[in-house]
C-alpha atoms as a PDB file:
ATOM      1  CA  MET A   1     155.261 148.230  64.187  1.00  0.00           C
ATOM      2  CA  THR A   2     155.320 144.813  62.547  1.00  0.00           C
ATOM      3  CA  ASP A   3     156.040 144.637  58.818  1.00  0.00           C
ATOM      4  CA  HIS A   4     152.819 144.522  56.847  1.00  0.00           C
ATOM      5  CA  ALA A   5     151.328 145.172  53.428  1.00  0.00           C
ATOM      6  CA  THR A   6     148.083 146.841  52.470  1.00  0.00           C
ATOM      7  CA  PRO A   7     146.211 146.084  49.263  1.00  0.00           C
ATOM      8  CA  ASN A   8     145.672 148.980  46.861  1.00  0.00           C
ATOM      9  CA  LEU A   9     142.282 148.467  45.267  1.00  0.00           C
ATOM     10  CA  PRO A  10     140.165 150.317  42.696  1.00  0.00           C
ATOM     11  CA  SER A  11     137.082 152.351  43.519  1.00  0.00           C
ATOM     12  CA  ARG A  12     134.639 153.709  40.984  1.00  0.00           C
ATOM     13  CA  ASP A  13     133.188 155.995  43.676  1.00  0.00           C
ATOM     14  CA  PHE A  14     134.790 156.602  47.075  1.00  0.00           C
ATOM     15  CA  ALA A  15     131.437 157.334  48.794  1.00  0.00           C
ATOM     16  CA  ALA A  16     129.918 154.063  47.539  1.00  0.00           C
ATOM     17  CA  THR A  17     133.065 152.116  48.484  1.00  0.00           C
ATOM     18  CA  THR A  18     133.022 153.614  51.977  1.00  0.00           C
ATOM     19  CA  ALA A  19     129.318 152.796  52.425  1.00  0.00           C
ATOM     20  CA  PHE A  20     129.764 149.167  51.320  1.00  0.00           C
ATOM     21  CA  HIS A  21     132.780 148.526  53.538  1.00  0.00           C
ATOM     22  CA  ALA A  22     131.195 150.343  56.501  1.00  0.00           C
ATOM     23  CA  MET A  23     128.533 147.589  56.527  1.00  0.00           C
ATOM     24  CA  LEU A  24     131.444 145.169  57.079  1.00  0.00           C
ATOM     25  CA  GLY A  25     132.870 147.132  60.003  1.00  0.00           C
ATOM     26  CA  PHE A  26     135.431 149.286  58.172  1.00  0.00           C
ATOM     27  CA  GLN A  27     135.899 152.957  58.963  1.00  0.00           C
ATOM     28  CA  GLN A  28     137.428 155.694  56.851  1.00  0.00           C
ATOM     29  CA  ASP A  29     140.840 156.780  58.146  1.00  0.00           C
ATOM     30  CA  TYR A  30     141.897 159.020  55.276  1.00  0.00           C
ATOM     31  CA  ARG A  31     140.440 160.466  52.101  1.00  0.00           C
ATOM     32  CA  SER A  32     141.586 162.853  49.402  1.00  0.00           C
ATOM     33  CA  ASP A  33     140.561 163.133  45.761  1.00  0.00           C
ATOM     34  CA  GLY A  34     143.242 160.615  44.817  1.00  0.00           C
ATOM     35  CA  TRP A  35     143.403 158.166  47.708  1.00  0.00           C
ATOM     36  CA  MET A  36     141.329 156.615  50.478  1.00  0.00           C
ATOM     37  CA  ILE A  37     142.203 154.371  53.427  1.00  0.00           C
ATOM     38  CA  LEU A  38     139.688 152.196  55.291  1.00  0.00           C
ATOM     39  CA  SER A  39     140.408 150.017  58.307  1.00  0.00           C
ATOM     40  CA  ARG A  40     138.748 147.346  60.422  1.00  0.00           C
ATOM     41  CA  GLY A  41     140.907 146.603  63.434  1.00  0.00           C
ATOM     42  CA  ALA A  42     144.347 145.661  62.085  1.00  0.00           C
ATOM     43  CA  VAL A  43     143.066 145.181  58.498  1.00  0.00           C
ATOM     44  CA  THR A  44     143.739 148.132  56.192  1.00  0.00           C
ATOM     45  CA  LEU A  45     142.490 148.591  52.639  1.00  0.00           C
ATOM     46  CA  GLU A  46     143.688 151.440  50.439  1.00  0.00           C
ATOM     47  CA  PHE A  47     141.747 152.629  47.392  1.00  0.00           C
ATOM     48  CA  PHE A  48     142.578 154.649  44.313  1.00  0.00           C
ATOM     49  CA  PRO A  49     140.010 156.214  41.974  1.00  0.00           C
ATOM     50  CA  TYR A  50     139.105 154.171  38.903  1.00  0.00           C
ATOM     51  CA  PRO A  51     135.802 155.688  37.708  1.00  0.00           C
ATOM     52  CA  ASP A  52     135.779 153.832  34.369  1.00  0.00           C
ATOM     53  CA  LEU A  53     136.325 150.358  35.851  1.00  0.00           C
ATOM     54  CA  ASP A  54     133.995 147.683  34.477  1.00  0.00           C
ATOM     55  CA  SER A  55     133.290 145.694  37.634  1.00  0.00           C
ATOM     56  CA  TYR A  56     132.430 142.590  35.588  1.00  0.00           C
ATOM     57  CA  GLN A  57     135.851 142.678  33.921  1.00  0.00           C
ATOM     58  CA  SER A  58     137.897 143.484  37.036  1.00  0.00           C
ATOM     59  CA  SER A  59     140.847 141.240  37.860  1.00  0.00           C
ATOM     60  CA  PHE A  60     141.712 142.945  41.166  1.00  0.00           C
ATOM     61  CA  SER A  61     141.887 140.784  44.280  1.00  0.00           C
ATOM     62  CA  CYS A  62     143.443 140.497  47.716  1.00  0.00           C
ATOM     63  CA  CYS A  63     143.568 138.174  50.721  1.00  0.00           C
ATOM     64  CA  LEU A  64     142.419 139.258  54.167  1.00  0.00           C
ATOM     65  CA  ARG A  65     143.811 136.915  56.797  1.00  0.00           C
ATOM     66  CA  LEU A  66     141.523 137.142  59.799  1.00  0.00           C
ATOM     67  CA  ASP A  67     141.661 135.888  63.384  1.00  0.00           C
ATOM     68  CA  ASP A  68     137.839 135.896  63.497  1.00  0.00           C
ATOM     69  CA  LEU A  69     136.485 134.809  60.119  1.00  0.00           C
ATOM     70  CA  SER A  70     133.170 133.868  61.773  1.00  0.00           C
ATOM     71  CA  GLY A  71     132.749 137.421  63.072  1.00  0.00           C
ATOM     72  CA  MET A  72     133.471 138.870  59.649  1.00  0.00           C
ATOM     73  CA  MET A  73     130.983 136.471  58.062  1.00  0.00           C
ATOM     74  CA  ARG A  74     128.285 137.549  60.517  1.00  0.00           C
ATOM     75  CA  GLN A  75     128.827 141.123  59.329  1.00  0.00           C
ATOM     76  CA  VAL A  76     128.816 140.075  55.651  1.00  0.00           C
ATOM     77  CA  GLU A  77     125.525 138.206  56.135  1.00  0.00           C
ATOM     78  CA  ALA A  78     123.965 141.053  58.172  1.00  0.00           C
ATOM     79  CA  SER A  79     124.966 143.558  55.465  1.00  0.00           C
ATOM     80  CA  GLY A  80     122.603 141.980  52.961  1.00  0.00           C
ATOM     81  CA  VAL A  81     125.305 140.967  50.499  1.00  0.00           C
ATOM     82  CA  PRO A  82     123.768 137.938  48.775  1.00  0.00           C
ATOM     83  CA  ASP A  83     125.160 134.403  48.904  1.00  0.00           C
ATOM     84  CA  ARG A  84     124.960 133.537  45.208  1.00  0.00           C
ATOM     85  CA  ARG A  85     127.142 132.464  42.302  1.00  0.00           C
ATOM     86  CA  GLN A  86     126.457 135.345  39.889  1.00  0.00           C
ATOM     87  CA  GLY A  87     126.188 139.101  40.201  1.00  0.00           C
ATOM     88  CA  ILE A  88     128.097 141.759  42.062  1.00  0.00           C
ATOM     89  CA  PRO A  89     128.340 142.185  45.012  1.00  0.00           C
ATOM     90  CA  ARG A  90     128.098 138.638  46.373  1.00  0.00           C
ATOM     91  CA  TYR A  91     129.798 136.207  48.715  1.00  0.00           C
ATOM     92  CA  HIS A  92     130.480 132.501  48.981  1.00  0.00           C
ATOM     93  CA  PRO A  93     130.457 131.058  52.530  1.00  0.00           C
ATOM     94  CA  PRO A  94     133.656 129.765  54.129  1.00  0.00           C
ATOM     95  CA  ARG A  95     134.748 126.220  53.489  1.00  0.00           C
ATOM     96  CA  LEU A  96     137.803 124.139  54.201  1.00  0.00           C
ATOM     97  CA  GLU A  97     139.863 124.132  50.991  1.00  0.00           C
ATOM     98  CA  ASP A  98     142.287 121.429  49.789  1.00  0.00           C
ATOM     99  CA  SER A  99     145.074 123.756  50.957  1.00  0.00           C
ATOM    100  CA  GLY A 100     143.919 123.201  54.546  1.00  0.00           C
ATOM    101  CA  LEU A 101     142.767 126.826  54.815  1.00  0.00           C
ATOM    102  CA  THR A 102     139.212 127.920  55.557  1.00  0.00           C
ATOM    103  CA  ILE A 103     138.340 130.584  52.985  1.00  0.00           C
ATOM    104  CA  ALA A 104     135.258 132.653  52.145  1.00  0.00           C
ATOM    105  CA  TYR A 105     134.982 134.762  49.008  1.00  0.00           C
ATOM    106  CA  LEU A 106     133.511 138.259  48.746  1.00  0.00           C
ATOM    107  CA  LEU A 107     133.113 140.350  45.595  1.00  0.00           C
ATOM    108  CA  ASP A 108     132.692 144.042  46.314  1.00  0.00           C
ATOM    109  CA  PRO A 109     130.622 146.393  44.105  1.00  0.00           C
ATOM    110  CA  ASP A 110     133.720 147.193  42.017  1.00  0.00           C
ATOM    111  CA  GLY A 111     134.296 143.512  41.220  1.00  0.00           C
ATOM    112  CA  THR A 112     137.299 143.132  43.525  1.00  0.00           C
ATOM    113  CA  LEU A 113     137.645 139.622  44.944  1.00  0.00           C
ATOM    114  CA  LEU A 114     138.427 139.595  48.657  1.00  0.00           C
ATOM    115  CA  ARG A 115     139.519 136.179  49.922  1.00  0.00           C
ATOM    116  CA  LEU A 116     138.617 136.012  53.609  1.00  0.00           C
ATOM    117  CA  ILE A 117     140.994 133.505  55.185  1.00  0.00           C
ATOM    118  CA  GLN A 118     140.845 132.183  58.747  1.00  0.00           C
ATOM    119  CA  ASN A 119     144.202 132.529  60.500  1.00  0.00           C
ATOM    120  CA  ASP A 120     145.458 129.329  62.132  1.00  0.00           C
END
């Protein structure tokens, strides 16, 4: 196995987190009262319970580096997550950044920012 890292993110409600991410192609690999693991191909997200999280005050984030950003964006758009600048959840479409990377931004229902980055 290649070295890798998996983000550990908050979830106010594991069932709601699973339902949201399932619309994006993730499946639940593991769940207990204190931990949950979701995956989409080689991308793994791990969640811990944080029932009192204020999603509008969250500072959690992670980067998902994807071989097929376009495919992920099709799922984001099909899921009904709105493309807007306020509110949660929401997304911002991909664009070429000054860094030279193409990045989209997705805020999940818990206020976690997922940067969706196209692999070169």
